[in-house]
Amino acid sequence: MYRKVMLIDVRTPLEFNSGNVKGSINIPMNEVPKRLDEIRNLEPMIVFCKSGVRSQKVLEFLKNNGIVEVENGGGWMEVNASVNQ
């Protein structure tokens, strides 16, 4: 059975507004800790940023806080290319 995967862009709102993946939501890296309860309801998910560095830190934080269905998508341009194949 197909399950929808939530796409979470952890870049800043300014970065997100300059270009983003269609259907993704913006939860900036610095907001992740205070929005953890909200994020728990979004599994399964792929997190991504500009290059994959921030999203890797977010991935580790989420996994350390019990969120297991999360993957690092890397850079948003790569995620965008995958989504729009």
C-alpha atoms as a PDB file:
ATOM      1  CA  MET A   1       0.000   0.000   0.000  1.00  0.00           C
ATOM      2  CA  TYR A   2       1.279   3.447  -0.929  1.00  0.00           C
ATOM      3  CA  ARG A   3       1.862   5.896   1.909  1.00  0.00           C
ATOM      4  CA  LYS A   4       2.328   9.566   1.323  1.00  0.00           C
ATOM      5  CA  VAL A   5       5.701  10.864   2.447  1.00  0.00           C
ATOM      6  CA  MET A   6       5.835  14.367   3.930  1.00  0.00           C
ATOM      7  CA  LEU A   7       8.524  16.593   2.425  1.00  0.00           C
ATOM      8  CA  ILE A   8      10.000  18.972   5.002  1.00  0.00           C
ATOM      9  CA  ASP A   9      12.316  21.770   3.934  1.00  0.00           C
ATOM     10  CA  VAL A  10      14.422  22.886   6.915  1.00  0.00           C
ATOM     11  CA  ARG A  11      15.889  25.987   5.250  1.00  0.00           C
ATOM     12  CA  THR A  12      15.007  29.497   6.385  1.00  0.00           C
ATOM     13  CA  PRO A  13      11.714  31.040   5.201  1.00  0.00           C
ATOM     14  CA  LEU A  14      13.705  33.387   2.941  1.00  0.00           C
ATOM     15  CA  GLU A  15      15.462  30.441   1.281  1.00  0.00           C
ATOM     16  CA  PHE A  16      12.183  28.508   1.018  1.00  0.00           C
ATOM     17  CA  ASN A  17      10.386  31.438  -0.601  1.00  0.00           C
ATOM     18  CA  SER A  18      13.153  31.838  -3.182  1.00  0.00           C
ATOM     19  CA  GLY A  19      12.423  28.335  -4.532  1.00  0.00           C
ATOM     20  CA  ASN A  20      11.032  25.110  -3.101  1.00  0.00           C
ATOM     21  CA  VAL A  21       9.740  21.631  -3.832  1.00  0.00           C
ATOM     22  CA  LYS A  22       6.063  21.581  -4.782  1.00  0.00           C
ATOM     23  CA  GLY A  23       4.061  20.072  -1.933  1.00  0.00           C
ATOM     24  CA  SER A  24       6.789  20.553   0.664  1.00  0.00           C
ATOM     25  CA  ILE A  25       6.343  22.382   3.944  1.00  0.00           C
ATOM     26  CA  ASN A  26       8.837  24.721   5.566  1.00  0.00           C
ATOM     27  CA  ILE A  27       9.903  23.991   9.126  1.00  0.00           C
ATOM     28  CA  PRO A  28      13.166  25.897   9.606  1.00  0.00           C
ATOM     29  CA  MET A  29      15.914  24.002  11.429  1.00  0.00           C
ATOM     30  CA  ASN A  30      15.831  26.375  14.390  1.00  0.00           C
ATOM     31  CA  GLU A  31      12.086  25.709  14.889  1.00  0.00           C
ATOM     32  CA  VAL A  32      12.334  21.912  14.865  1.00  0.00           C
ATOM     33  CA  PRO A  33      12.834  21.433  18.639  1.00  0.00           C
ATOM     34  CA  LYS A  34       9.797  23.525  19.597  1.00  0.00           C
ATOM     35  CA  ARG A  35       7.639  21.929  16.852  1.00  0.00           C
ATOM     36  CA  LEU A  36       8.565  18.345  17.702  1.00  0.00           C
ATOM     37  CA  ASP A  37       5.008  17.323  18.664  1.00  0.00           C
ATOM     38  CA  GLU A  38       3.717  18.648  15.330  1.00  0.00           C
ATOM     39  CA  ILE A  39       6.499  16.873  13.427  1.00  0.00           C
ATOM     40  CA  ARG A  40       5.733  13.533  15.129  1.00  0.00           C
ATOM     41  CA  ASN A  41       2.398  13.509  13.279  1.00  0.00           C
ATOM     42  CA  LEU A  42       4.087  13.869   9.882  1.00  0.00           C
ATOM     43  CA  GLU A  43       5.800  10.468   9.640  1.00  0.00           C
ATOM     44  CA  PRO A  44       6.968   9.153   7.237  1.00  0.00           C
ATOM     45  CA  MET A  45       9.023  12.121   6.079  1.00  0.00           C
ATOM     46  CA  ILE A  46      11.999  13.286   4.084  1.00  0.00           C
ATOM     47  CA  VAL A  47      13.904  16.291   5.396  1.00  0.00           C
ATOM     48  CA  PHE A  48      16.122  18.395   3.168  1.00  0.00           C
ATOM     49  CA  CYS A  49      17.840  21.793   2.947  1.00  0.00           C
ATOM     50  CA  LYS A  50      20.269  23.461   0.539  1.00  0.00           C
ATOM     51  CA  SER A  51      23.049  20.863   0.600  1.00  0.00           C
ATOM     52  CA  GLY A  52      22.011  18.166   3.084  1.00  0.00           C
ATOM     53  CA  VAL A  53      24.090  19.370   6.033  1.00  0.00           C
ATOM     54  CA  ARG A  54      21.294  20.996   8.051  1.00  0.00           C
ATOM     55  CA  SER A  55      18.866  18.217   7.184  1.00  0.00           C
ATOM     56  CA  GLN A  56      21.363  15.619   8.468  1.00  0.00           C
ATOM     57  CA  LYS A  57      21.491  17.448  11.817  1.00  0.00           C
ATOM     58  CA  VAL A  58      17.678  17.579  11.890  1.00  0.00           C
ATOM     59  CA  LEU A  59      17.499  13.870  11.015  1.00  0.00           C
ATOM     60  CA  GLU A  60      19.794  12.979  13.921  1.00  0.00           C
ATOM     61  CA  PHE A  61      17.782  15.191  16.302  1.00  0.00           C
ATOM     62  CA  LEU A  62      14.484  13.636  15.205  1.00  0.00           C
ATOM     63  CA  LYS A  63      15.807  10.069  15.508  1.00  0.00           C
ATOM     64  CA  ASN A  64      17.185  10.870  18.974  1.00  0.00           C
ATOM     65  CA  ASN A  65      13.667  12.006  19.885  1.00  0.00           C
ATOM     66  CA  GLY A  66      11.918   8.836  18.755  1.00  0.00           C
ATOM     67  CA  ILE A  67      10.978   9.722  15.176  1.00  0.00           C
ATOM     68  CA  VAL A  68      12.078   6.762  13.085  1.00  0.00           C
ATOM     69  CA  GLU A  69      10.374   7.147   9.700  1.00  0.00           C
ATOM     70  CA  VAL A  70      12.622   9.962   8.503  1.00  0.00           C
ATOM     71  CA  GLU A  71      15.234  10.166   5.774  1.00  0.00           C
ATOM     72  CA  ASN A  72      17.684  12.861   4.709  1.00  0.00           C
ATOM     73  CA  GLY A  73      16.855  13.858   1.146  1.00  0.00           C
ATOM     74  CA  GLY A  74      19.962  16.041   0.863  1.00  0.00           C
ATOM     75  CA  GLY A  75      19.666  19.230  -1.165  1.00  0.00           C
ATOM     76  CA  TRP A  76      16.303  20.613  -2.202  1.00  0.00           C
ATOM     77  CA  MET A  77      17.247  20.696  -5.873  1.00  0.00           C
ATOM     78  CA  GLU A  78      17.886  16.941  -5.845  1.00  0.00           C
ATOM     79  CA  VAL A  79      14.605  16.302  -4.043  1.00  0.00           C
ATOM     80  CA  ASN A  80      12.841  18.562  -6.527  1.00  0.00           C
ATOM     81  CA  ALA A  81      14.329  16.647  -9.465  1.00  0.00           C
ATOM     82  CA  SER A  82      13.218  13.322  -7.932  1.00  0.00           C
ATOM     83  CA  VAL A  83       9.692  14.558  -7.273  1.00  0.00           C
ATOM     84  CA  ASN A  84       9.305  15.950 -10.777  1.00  0.00           C
ATOM     85  CA  GLN A  85      10.691  12.979 -12.759  1.00  0.00           C
END
